[in-house]
Amino acid sequence: MTGEHAIKAIILLFIVLPIVPIGISWRRLMTQSAVQVRATRLERAVLILVTLSQLLLMSALVSTDVLGHDYSDRRYATIAINFVAMLGATVAAAIAGRRVRSPLVFSAAWLTCSWAYVAMVNSAV
């Protein structure tokens, strides 16, 4: 494996691995016992937002047109909106999270970094 292939594999893992804490969050949200605290509406909304953002990011791996054509306003707007949304989701999960706080904050922060990476790559001319 050459250095270039190793870098591509690491970047791919960086983009795909937030699935793990998202899955843990969904599992914690769906399995409730009488002793545990119920998830708040905000936690559910943040988890849905984080999941949709991750799906959009992963679908962009298959077809880059999902975000918009190269150098288009739609592409930059999609990236910026997702970056800001994940930044807000990270803050909201950290402040208001109860039942799924740790994995939700971790996945939202990770996605914020992923969208920042996508923004940097797409801003290069």
Protein backbone atom coordinates (compact mmCIF):
# COMPACT_ATOMS: atom_id res chain seq x y z
CA MET A 1 0.00 0.00 0.00
CA THR A 2 1.47 3.30 -1.04
CA GLY A 3 1.37 6.44 1.04
CA GLU A 4 -1.33 7.95 -1.15
CA HIS A 5 -3.59 4.91 -0.70
CA ALA A 6 -3.01 4.96 3.04
CA ILE A 7 -4.03 8.62 3.23
CA LYS A 8 -7.19 7.94 1.19
CA ALA A 9 -8.07 5.02 3.49
CA ILE A 10 -7.58 7.16 6.59
CA ILE A 11 -9.74 9.94 5.15
CA LEU A 12 -12.44 7.41 4.23
CA LEU A 13 -12.40 6.03 7.77
CA PHE A 14 -12.52 9.57 9.16
CA ILE A 15 -15.70 10.22 7.17
CA VAL A 16 -17.40 6.84 7.74
CA LEU A 17 -16.58 6.06 11.40
CA PRO A 18 -19.09 8.48 13.00
CA ILE A 19 -21.62 5.74 12.21
CA VAL A 20 -20.44 3.93 15.35
CA PRO A 21 -21.37 6.60 17.95
CA ILE A 22 -24.53 7.41 15.98
CA GLY A 23 -25.53 3.74 16.17
CA ILE A 24 -24.78 3.68 19.89
CA SER A 25 -26.96 6.77 20.36
CA TRP A 26 -29.85 5.20 18.44
CA ARG A 27 -29.52 2.00 20.47
CA ARG A 28 -29.57 3.90 23.77
CA LEU A 29 -32.52 5.93 22.59
CA MET A 30 -34.55 2.90 21.53
CA THR A 31 -33.82 0.67 24.53
CA GLN A 32 -35.36 2.08 27.66
CA SER A 33 -35.71 0.57 31.06
CA ALA A 34 -37.88 1.82 33.87
CA VAL A 35 -34.82 3.07 35.77
CA GLN A 36 -33.26 5.11 32.98
CA VAL A 37 -34.13 8.68 32.11
CA ARG A 38 -36.17 9.20 28.93
CA ALA A 39 -34.56 11.00 26.05
CA THR A 40 -35.69 14.57 25.50
CA ARG A 41 -37.22 15.88 22.30
CA LEU A 42 -34.10 17.93 21.74
CA GLU A 43 -31.93 14.80 21.96
CA ARG A 44 -34.15 13.04 19.44
CA ALA A 45 -34.07 16.03 17.09
CA VAL A 46 -30.29 16.35 17.34
CA LEU A 47 -29.84 12.62 16.74
CA ILE A 48 -32.05 12.77 13.65
CA LEU A 49 -30.14 15.82 12.38
CA VAL A 50 -26.77 14.15 12.97
CA THR A 51 -27.93 10.96 11.26
CA LEU A 52 -29.19 12.83 8.19
CA SER A 53 -25.98 14.83 7.95
CA GLN A 54 -23.91 11.63 8.14
CA LEU A 55 -26.05 10.03 5.43
CA LEU A 56 -25.55 13.06 3.20
CA LEU A 57 -21.80 12.98 3.78
CA MET A 58 -21.61 9.25 3.02
CA SER A 59 -23.75 9.61 -0.10
CA ALA A 60 -21.28 12.24 -1.30
CA LEU A 61 -18.64 9.51 -1.25
CA VAL A 62 -20.67 7.62 -3.85
CA SER A 63 -21.57 10.59 -6.03
CA THR A 64 -20.08 14.03 -5.53
CA ASP A 65 -23.07 15.61 -7.30
CA VAL A 66 -25.12 14.97 -4.15
CA LEU A 67 -23.58 18.10 -2.63
CA GLY A 68 -23.86 20.03 -5.89
CA HIS A 69 -21.72 20.49 -8.96
CA ASP A 70 -18.07 21.40 -8.50
CA TYR A 71 -17.56 25.05 -7.53
CA SER A 72 -21.31 25.70 -7.43
CA ASP A 73 -23.11 27.90 -4.92
CA ARG A 74 -25.31 24.93 -3.98
CA ARG A 75 -22.27 22.85 -3.06
CA TYR A 76 -20.78 25.56 -0.84
CA ALA A 77 -24.16 26.28 0.76
CA THR A 78 -24.75 22.58 1.49
CA ILE A 79 -21.34 22.26 3.11
CA ALA A 80 -21.72 25.48 5.12
CA ILE A 81 -25.23 24.64 6.31
CA ASN A 82 -24.18 21.17 7.44
CA PHE A 83 -21.07 22.53 9.17
CA VAL A 84 -23.10 25.13 11.10
CA ALA A 85 -25.86 22.61 11.86
CA MET A 86 -23.36 20.11 13.27
CA LEU A 87 -21.66 22.83 15.29
CA GLY A 88 -25.05 23.72 16.76
CA ALA A 89 -25.89 20.05 17.29
CA THR A 90 -22.66 19.56 19.21
CA VAL A 91 -23.43 22.47 21.52
CA ALA A 92 -27.07 21.42 21.96
CA ALA A 93 -26.13 17.81 22.75
CA ALA A 94 -23.47 18.92 25.22
CA ILE A 95 -25.80 21.30 27.05
CA ALA A 96 -29.13 19.52 26.96
CA GLY A 97 -28.20 15.88 26.49
CA ARG A 98 -29.06 13.35 29.17
CA ARG A 99 -29.61 9.81 27.98
CA VAL A 100 -27.39 9.77 24.89
CA ARG A 101 -25.08 12.70 25.67
CA SER A 102 -21.61 11.18 25.26
CA PRO A 103 -21.98 9.36 21.93
CA LEU A 104 -24.18 12.12 20.54
CA VAL A 105 -21.71 14.89 21.39
CA PHE A 106 -18.86 12.77 20.06
CA SER A 107 -20.60 12.01 16.75
CA ALA A 108 -21.79 15.60 16.26
CA ALA A 109 -18.30 16.96 16.97
CA TRP A 110 -16.78 14.38 14.64
CA LEU A 111 -19.21 15.36 11.88
CA THR A 112 -18.39 19.02 12.45
CA CYS A 113 -14.75 18.17 11.79
CA SER A 114 -15.71 16.09 8.75
CA TRP A 115 -17.69 18.96 7.25
CA ALA A 116 -14.79 21.32 8.00
CA TYR A 117 -12.51 18.94 6.10
CA VAL A 118 -14.93 18.83 3.16
CA ALA A 119 -15.08 22.63 3.18
CA MET A 120 -11.28 22.89 3.10
CA VAL A 121 -10.97 20.40 0.26
CA ASN A 122 -13.67 22.14 -1.76
CA SER A 123 -12.20 25.59 -1.22
CA ALA A 124 -8.90 24.56 -2.78
CA VAL A 125 -8.73 25.70 -6.38
